[in-house]
Amino acid sequence: MKFRLGFVTNSSTASYVVLGFKIKEGEFDYAKALKNLGAEGEMDPERFWDAMCDLDCAVLYGTEDGLPSNNDHVVGKYIAHISSEDYAESVEADLSEFVKPVTDLHRKLGATTPIKLYIGAKMA
């Protein structure tokens, strides 16, 4: 039997490092958040998540993206995102490039959860 030490992946996973914050279903005012982002039109959760993707935000949804609960969602910025087709020995990032945009997003969305570093794997 052979053992491999280190990161092992297959074609259906991607690893990530995200600086962001949680948004819990049912505890978030999507309409107010979209208005604060300057969005117009119908205000609902689906439109909110589309807007986050349009703003080039990292968006993690529930257990499929490595979060503890399907009621948890994380919004932020990818510091690193490595799909199974990529190989990276190391990733270097200047955190100052991520702190201000995530802090601004946190304020605009009226989020109350703390900003944290999320490291994990998700389905690709």
C-alpha atoms as a PDB file:
ATOM      1  CA  MET A   1       0.000   0.000   0.000  1.00  0.00           C
ATOM      2  CA  LYS A   2       1.285   3.470  -0.860  1.00  0.00           C
ATOM      3  CA  PHE A   3       0.680   6.589   1.198  1.00  0.00           C
ATOM      4  CA  ARG A   4       1.028  10.138   0.010  1.00  0.00           C
ATOM      5  CA  LEU A   5       1.698  12.939   2.444  1.00  0.00           C
ATOM      6  CA  GLY A   6       0.563  16.446   1.627  1.00  0.00           C
ATOM      7  CA  PHE A   7      -2.326  17.885  -0.330  1.00  0.00           C
ATOM      8  CA  VAL A   8      -4.263  15.322  -2.341  1.00  0.00           C
ATOM      9  CA  THR A   9      -7.110  16.264  -4.634  1.00  0.00           C
ATOM     10  CA  ASN A  10      -9.236  14.930  -7.442  1.00  0.00           C
ATOM     11  CA  SER A  11     -11.014  16.564 -10.339  1.00  0.00           C
ATOM     12  CA  SER A  12     -14.025  17.566  -8.292  1.00  0.00           C
ATOM     13  CA  THR A  13     -12.396  19.714  -5.598  1.00  0.00           C
ATOM     14  CA  ALA A  14     -10.703  23.065  -5.217  1.00  0.00           C
ATOM     15  CA  SER A  15      -8.815  24.482  -2.249  1.00  0.00           C
ATOM     16  CA  TYR A  16      -9.283  28.056  -1.094  1.00  0.00           C
ATOM     17  CA  VAL A  17      -8.164  30.733   1.319  1.00  0.00           C
ATOM     18  CA  VAL A  18     -10.786  33.465   1.736  1.00  0.00           C
ATOM     19  CA  LEU A  19     -10.794  36.598   3.840  1.00  0.00           C
ATOM     20  CA  GLY A  20     -14.464  37.177   4.532  1.00  0.00           C
ATOM     21  CA  PHE A  21     -17.431  36.984   6.853  1.00  0.00           C
ATOM     22  CA  LYS A  22     -20.482  34.789   7.380  1.00  0.00           C
ATOM     23  CA  ILE A  23     -24.001  35.658   6.351  1.00  0.00           C
ATOM     24  CA  LYS A  24     -26.657  33.433   7.898  1.00  0.00           C
ATOM     25  CA  GLU A  25     -29.885  32.733   6.029  1.00  0.00           C
ATOM     26  CA  GLY A  26     -32.823  34.441   7.706  1.00  0.00           C
ATOM     27  CA  GLU A  27     -30.615  36.871   9.642  1.00  0.00           C
ATOM     28  CA  PHE A  28     -29.688  39.165   6.779  1.00  0.00           C
ATOM     29  CA  ASP A  29     -31.489  42.037   5.041  1.00  0.00           C
ATOM     30  CA  TYR A  30     -30.785  41.331   1.350  1.00  0.00           C
ATOM     31  CA  ALA A  31     -32.794  44.335   0.118  1.00  0.00           C
ATOM     32  CA  LYS A  32     -30.852  46.777   2.318  1.00  0.00           C
ATOM     33  CA  ALA A  33     -27.539  45.206   1.317  1.00  0.00           C
ATOM     34  CA  LEU A  34     -28.292  45.468  -2.399  1.00  0.00           C
ATOM     35  CA  LYS A  35     -29.416  49.065  -1.989  1.00  0.00           C
ATOM     36  CA  ASN A  36     -26.132  49.877  -0.186  1.00  0.00           C
ATOM     37  CA  LEU A  37     -24.254  48.343  -3.133  1.00  0.00           C
ATOM     38  CA  GLY A  38     -26.141  50.573  -5.562  1.00  0.00           C
ATOM     39  CA  ALA A  39     -28.151  47.755  -7.124  1.00  0.00           C
ATOM     40  CA  GLU A  40     -31.599  48.438  -8.532  1.00  0.00           C
ATOM     41  CA  GLY A  41     -34.563  46.215  -9.208  1.00  0.00           C
ATOM     42  CA  GLU A  42     -36.080  43.326  -7.303  1.00  0.00           C
ATOM     43  CA  MET A  43     -34.294  42.625  -4.056  1.00  0.00           C
ATOM     44  CA  ASP A  44     -34.068  38.947  -3.146  1.00  0.00           C
ATOM     45  CA  PRO A  45     -31.416  36.444  -2.016  1.00  0.00           C
ATOM     46  CA  GLU A  46     -30.753  35.080  -5.526  1.00  0.00           C
ATOM     47  CA  ARG A  47     -30.132  38.579  -6.900  1.00  0.00           C
ATOM     48  CA  PHE A  48     -27.853  39.297  -3.934  1.00  0.00           C
ATOM     49  CA  TRP A  49     -25.648  36.263  -4.597  1.00  0.00           C
ATOM     50  CA  ASP A  50     -25.478  37.145  -8.307  1.00  0.00           C
ATOM     51  CA  ALA A  51     -24.407  40.686  -7.348  1.00  0.00           C
ATOM     52  CA  MET A  52     -21.647  39.303  -5.109  1.00  0.00           C
ATOM     53  CA  CYS A  53     -20.300  37.228  -8.000  1.00  0.00           C
ATOM     54  CA  ASP A  54     -20.517  40.264 -10.319  1.00  0.00           C
ATOM     55  CA  LEU A  55     -18.394  42.193  -7.799  1.00  0.00           C
ATOM     56  CA  ASP A  56     -15.725  39.455  -8.049  1.00  0.00           C
ATOM     57  CA  CYS A  57     -16.340  38.354  -4.482  1.00  0.00           C
ATOM     58  CA  ALA A  58     -15.629  34.929  -3.115  1.00  0.00           C
ATOM     59  CA  VAL A  59     -18.953  33.302  -2.279  1.00  0.00           C
ATOM     60  CA  LEU A  60     -19.031  30.046  -0.312  1.00  0.00           C
ATOM     61  CA  TYR A  61     -22.347  28.203   0.119  1.00  0.00           C
ATOM     62  CA  GLY A  62     -22.881  25.721   2.943  1.00  0.00           C
ATOM     63  CA  THR A  63     -21.368  22.288   3.364  1.00  0.00           C
ATOM     64  CA  GLU A  64     -20.577  21.749  -0.333  1.00  0.00           C
ATOM     65  CA  ASP A  65     -18.066  24.582  -0.044  1.00  0.00           C
ATOM     66  CA  GLY A  66     -16.568  23.278   3.196  1.00  0.00           C
ATOM     67  CA  LEU A  67     -18.626  25.294   5.702  1.00  0.00           C
ATOM     68  CA  PRO A  68     -20.068  23.617   8.809  1.00  0.00           C
ATOM     69  CA  SER A  69     -23.746  24.235   7.978  1.00  0.00           C
ATOM     70  CA  ASN A  70     -25.927  24.660   4.899  1.00  0.00           C
ATOM     71  CA  ASN A  71     -27.306  27.797   6.597  1.00  0.00           C
ATOM     72  CA  ASP A  72     -23.850  29.380   6.506  1.00  0.00           C
ATOM     73  CA  HIS A  73     -22.615  31.455   3.610  1.00  0.00           C
ATOM     74  CA  VAL A  74     -19.341  33.359   3.411  1.00  0.00           C
ATOM     75  CA  VAL A  75     -18.682  36.483   1.340  1.00  0.00           C
ATOM     76  CA  GLY A  76     -15.218  37.941   0.909  1.00  0.00           C
ATOM     77  CA  LYS A  77     -12.187  37.894  -1.352  1.00  0.00           C
ATOM     78  CA  TYR A  78     -10.119  34.926  -2.485  1.00  0.00           C
ATOM     79  CA  ILE A  79      -6.533  35.143  -1.289  1.00  0.00           C
ATOM     80  CA  ALA A  80      -5.823  31.823  -2.968  1.00  0.00           C
ATOM     81  CA  HIS A  81      -7.968  29.470  -5.029  1.00  0.00           C
ATOM     82  CA  ILE A  82      -6.393  26.325  -6.425  1.00  0.00           C
ATOM     83  CA  SER A  83      -8.439  23.967  -8.563  1.00  0.00           C
ATOM     84  CA  SER A  84      -7.557  20.335  -9.059  1.00  0.00           C
ATOM     85  CA  GLU A  85      -6.046  21.139 -12.478  1.00  0.00           C
ATOM     86  CA  ASP A  86      -3.559  23.581 -10.937  1.00  0.00           C
ATOM     87  CA  TYR A  87      -0.502  22.910  -8.864  1.00  0.00           C
ATOM     88  CA  ALA A  88       0.977  25.474  -6.530  1.00  0.00           C
ATOM     89  CA  GLU A  89       3.910  24.913  -4.254  1.00  0.00           C
ATOM     90  CA  SER A  90       3.174  28.160  -2.459  1.00  0.00           C
ATOM     91  CA  VAL A  91       0.981  31.208  -2.697  1.00  0.00           C
ATOM     92  CA  GLU A  92       2.189  34.608  -1.553  1.00  0.00           C
ATOM     93  CA  ALA A  93      -0.252  37.453  -0.997  1.00  0.00           C
ATOM     94  CA  ASP A  94      -0.062  40.936   0.473  1.00  0.00           C
ATOM     95  CA  LEU A  95      -2.929  40.928   2.976  1.00  0.00           C
ATOM     96  CA  SER A  96      -3.245  44.708   2.862  1.00  0.00           C
ATOM     97  CA  GLU A  97      -4.687  44.280  -0.647  1.00  0.00           C
ATOM     98  CA  PHE A  98      -7.571  42.269   0.825  1.00  0.00           C
ATOM     99  CA  VAL A  99      -8.327  43.883   4.190  1.00  0.00           C
ATOM    100  CA  LYS A 100      -9.737  47.214   2.937  1.00  0.00           C
ATOM    101  CA  PRO A 101     -12.044  45.782   0.232  1.00  0.00           C
ATOM    102  CA  VAL A 102     -13.421  43.152   2.625  1.00  0.00           C
ATOM    103  CA  THR A 103     -13.849  45.700   5.437  1.00  0.00           C
ATOM    104  CA  ASP A 104     -15.667  48.054   3.038  1.00  0.00           C
ATOM    105  CA  LEU A 105     -17.918  45.215   1.836  1.00  0.00           C
ATOM    106  CA  HIS A 106     -18.612  44.200   5.444  1.00  0.00           C
ATOM    107  CA  ARG A 107     -19.677  47.776   6.270  1.00  0.00           C
ATOM    108  CA  LYS A 108     -21.810  48.247   3.131  1.00  0.00           C
ATOM    109  CA  LEU A 109     -23.640  44.981   3.744  1.00  0.00           C
ATOM    110  CA  GLY A 110     -24.258  45.823   7.380  1.00  0.00           C
ATOM    111  CA  ALA A 111     -22.782  42.499   8.430  1.00  0.00           C
ATOM    112  CA  THR A 112     -22.444  41.839  12.141  1.00  0.00           C
ATOM    113  CA  THR A 113     -20.288  38.706  12.048  1.00  0.00           C
ATOM    114  CA  PRO A 114     -16.504  39.091  12.421  1.00  0.00           C
ATOM    115  CA  ILE A 115     -14.125  39.079   9.462  1.00  0.00           C
ATOM    116  CA  LYS A 116     -12.109  35.855   9.476  1.00  0.00           C
ATOM    117  CA  LEU A 117      -9.774  33.771   7.366  1.00  0.00           C
ATOM    118  CA  TYR A 118     -11.485  30.698   5.873  1.00  0.00           C
ATOM    119  CA  ILE A 119      -9.323  27.849   4.597  1.00  0.00           C
ATOM    120  CA  GLY A 120     -10.811  24.736   3.082  1.00  0.00           C
ATOM    121  CA  ALA A 121     -11.821  22.686   0.092  1.00  0.00           C
ATOM    122  CA  LYS A 122     -15.014  22.817  -1.925  1.00  0.00           C
ATOM    123  CA  MET A 123     -16.655  20.935  -4.712  1.00  0.00           C
ATOM    124  CA  ALA A 124     -15.526  22.287  -8.072  1.00  0.00           C
END
